[in-house]
């Protein structure tokens, strides 16, 4: 479920970048240049965070195997 959310966030961020980058003037002076640079930096953070969460999420099979292993260990200890 979470992987779908991360993928959706990446797609939405890519779509926002697709529409925003042609309208952002990074080399202009004043508040508009600062806004453009800060907006791109924050978009980069969003992409990096979602990619790292998507790539480093634990696999479900490993989590299930660990849970069953813990349950087996508890049963062995109680006997």
C-alpha atoms as a PDB file:
ATOM      1  CA  UNK A   1       0.000   0.000   0.000  1.00  0.00           C
ATOM      2  CA  UNK A   2       2.757   2.448   0.895  1.00  0.00           C
ATOM      3  CA  UNK A   3       4.647   1.755  -2.315  1.00  0.00           C
ATOM      4  CA  UNK A   4       1.610   2.874  -4.269  1.00  0.00           C
ATOM      5  CA  UNK A   5       1.531   6.104  -2.280  1.00  0.00           C
ATOM      6  CA  UNK A   6       5.223   6.772  -2.898  1.00  0.00           C
ATOM      7  CA  UNK A   7       4.795   6.102  -6.604  1.00  0.00           C
ATOM      8  CA  UNK A   8       1.761   8.391  -6.750  1.00  0.00           C
ATOM      9  CA  UNK A   9       3.692  11.172  -4.994  1.00  0.00           C
ATOM     10  CA  UNK A  10       6.549  10.787  -7.467  1.00  0.00           C
ATOM     11  CA  UNK A  11       4.176  11.002 -10.414  1.00  0.00           C
ATOM     12  CA  UNK A  12       2.421  14.071  -9.009  1.00  0.00           C
ATOM     13  CA  UNK A  13       5.751  15.767  -8.328  1.00  0.00           C
ATOM     14  CA  UNK A  14       6.913  14.974 -11.855  1.00  0.00           C
ATOM     15  CA  UNK A  15       3.712  16.416 -13.261  1.00  0.00           C
ATOM     16  CA  UNK A  16       4.117  19.579 -11.194  1.00  0.00           C
ATOM     17  CA  UNK A  17       7.701  19.939 -12.388  1.00  0.00           C
ATOM     18  CA  UNK A  18       6.600  19.412 -16.000  1.00  0.00           C
ATOM     19  CA  UNK A  19       4.193  22.335 -15.758  1.00  0.00           C
ATOM     20  CA  UNK A  20       6.238  24.599 -13.478  1.00  0.00           C
ATOM     21  CA  UNK A  21       9.787  24.485 -14.853  1.00  0.00           C
ATOM     22  CA  UNK A  22       9.028  26.414 -18.079  1.00  0.00           C
ATOM     23  CA  UNK A  23       7.423  29.195 -16.006  1.00  0.00           C
ATOM     24  CA  UNK A  24      10.167  29.438 -13.366  1.00  0.00           C
ATOM     25  CA  UNK A  25      12.909  31.968 -14.006  1.00  0.00           C
ATOM     26  CA  UNK A  26      15.867  30.739 -11.984  1.00  0.00           C
ATOM     27  CA  UNK A  27      18.310  33.382 -13.243  1.00  0.00           C
ATOM     28  CA  UNK A  28      16.132  36.397 -12.476  1.00  0.00           C
ATOM     29  CA  UNK A  29      17.044  38.651  -9.575  1.00  0.00           C
ATOM     30  CA  UNK A  30      14.973  39.383  -6.533  1.00  0.00           C
ATOM     31  CA  UNK A  31      12.158  37.427  -4.948  1.00  0.00           C
ATOM     32  CA  UNK A  32      11.137  35.618  -8.135  1.00  0.00           C
ATOM     33  CA  UNK A  33      14.597  34.044  -8.529  1.00  0.00           C
ATOM     34  CA  UNK A  34      14.736  33.059  -4.870  1.00  0.00           C
ATOM     35  CA  UNK A  35      11.257  31.546  -5.107  1.00  0.00           C
ATOM     36  CA  UNK A  36      12.171  29.561  -8.230  1.00  0.00           C
ATOM     37  CA  UNK A  37      15.333  28.151  -6.697  1.00  0.00           C
ATOM     38  CA  UNK A  38      13.653  27.297  -3.382  1.00  0.00           C
ATOM     39  CA  UNK A  39      10.722  25.662  -5.177  1.00  0.00           C
ATOM     40  CA  UNK A  40      13.073  23.483  -7.229  1.00  0.00           C
ATOM     41  CA  UNK A  41      15.087  22.539  -4.134  1.00  0.00           C
ATOM     42  CA  UNK A  42      11.946  21.513  -2.269  1.00  0.00           C
ATOM     43  CA  UNK A  43      10.768  19.493  -5.274  1.00  0.00           C
ATOM     44  CA  UNK A  44      14.153  17.759  -5.283  1.00  0.00           C
ATOM     45  CA  UNK A  45      13.723  16.916  -1.584  1.00  0.00           C
ATOM     46  CA  UNK A  46      10.281  15.465  -2.282  1.00  0.00           C
ATOM     47  CA  UNK A  47      11.620  13.313  -5.093  1.00  0.00           C
ATOM     48  CA  UNK A  48      14.604  12.152  -3.033  1.00  0.00           C
ATOM     49  CA  UNK A  49      12.466  11.300  -0.021  1.00  0.00           C
ATOM     50  CA  UNK A  50       9.916   9.346  -1.991  1.00  0.00           C
ATOM     51  CA  UNK A  51      12.570   7.502  -3.981  1.00  0.00           C
ATOM     52  CA  UNK A  52      14.469   6.505  -0.855  1.00  0.00           C
ATOM     53  CA  UNK A  53      11.262   5.340   0.821  1.00  0.00           C
ATOM     54  CA  UNK A  54      10.290   3.400  -2.292  1.00  0.00           C
ATOM     55  CA  UNK A  55      13.677   1.763  -2.759  1.00  0.00           C
ATOM     56  CA  UNK A  56      14.498   0.997   0.875  1.00  0.00           C
ATOM     57  CA  UNK A  57      11.088  -0.236   2.033  1.00  0.00           C
ATOM     58  CA  UNK A  58      11.286  -3.666   3.657  1.00  0.00           C
ATOM     59  CA  UNK A  59       9.935  -6.505   1.608  1.00  0.00           C
ATOM     60  CA  UNK A  60       6.731  -8.087   2.879  1.00  0.00           C
ATOM     61  CA  UNK A  61       8.014 -11.637   2.571  1.00  0.00           C
ATOM     62  CA  UNK A  62      10.917 -10.886   4.922  1.00  0.00           C
ATOM     63  CA  UNK A  63       8.635  -9.252   7.463  1.00  0.00           C
ATOM     64  CA  UNK A  64       6.240 -12.185   7.415  1.00  0.00           C
ATOM     65  CA  UNK A  65       9.092 -14.662   7.738  1.00  0.00           C
ATOM     66  CA  UNK A  66      10.479 -12.771  10.727  1.00  0.00           C
ATOM     67  CA  UNK A  67       7.067 -12.740  12.409  1.00  0.00           C
ATOM     68  CA  UNK A  68       6.601 -16.470  11.960  1.00  0.00           C
ATOM     69  CA  UNK A  69      10.152 -17.083  13.171  1.00  0.00           C
ATOM     70  CA  UNK A  70       9.449 -15.047  16.320  1.00  0.00           C
ATOM     71  CA  UNK A  71       6.229 -16.972  16.905  1.00  0.00           C
ATOM     72  CA  UNK A  72       8.056 -20.293  16.536  1.00  0.00           C
ATOM     73  CA  UNK A  73      10.731 -19.156  18.982  1.00  0.00           C
ATOM     74  CA  UNK A  74       8.085 -18.156  21.529  1.00  0.00           C
ATOM     75  CA  UNK A  75       6.401 -21.541  21.195  1.00  0.00           C
ATOM     76  CA  UNK A  76       9.711 -23.334  21.683  1.00  0.00           C
ATOM     77  CA  UNK A  77      10.517 -21.286  24.768  1.00  0.00           C
ATOM     78  CA  UNK A  78       7.131 -21.946  26.348  1.00  0.00           C
ATOM     79  CA  UNK A  79       7.459 -25.736  25.934  1.00  0.00           C
END
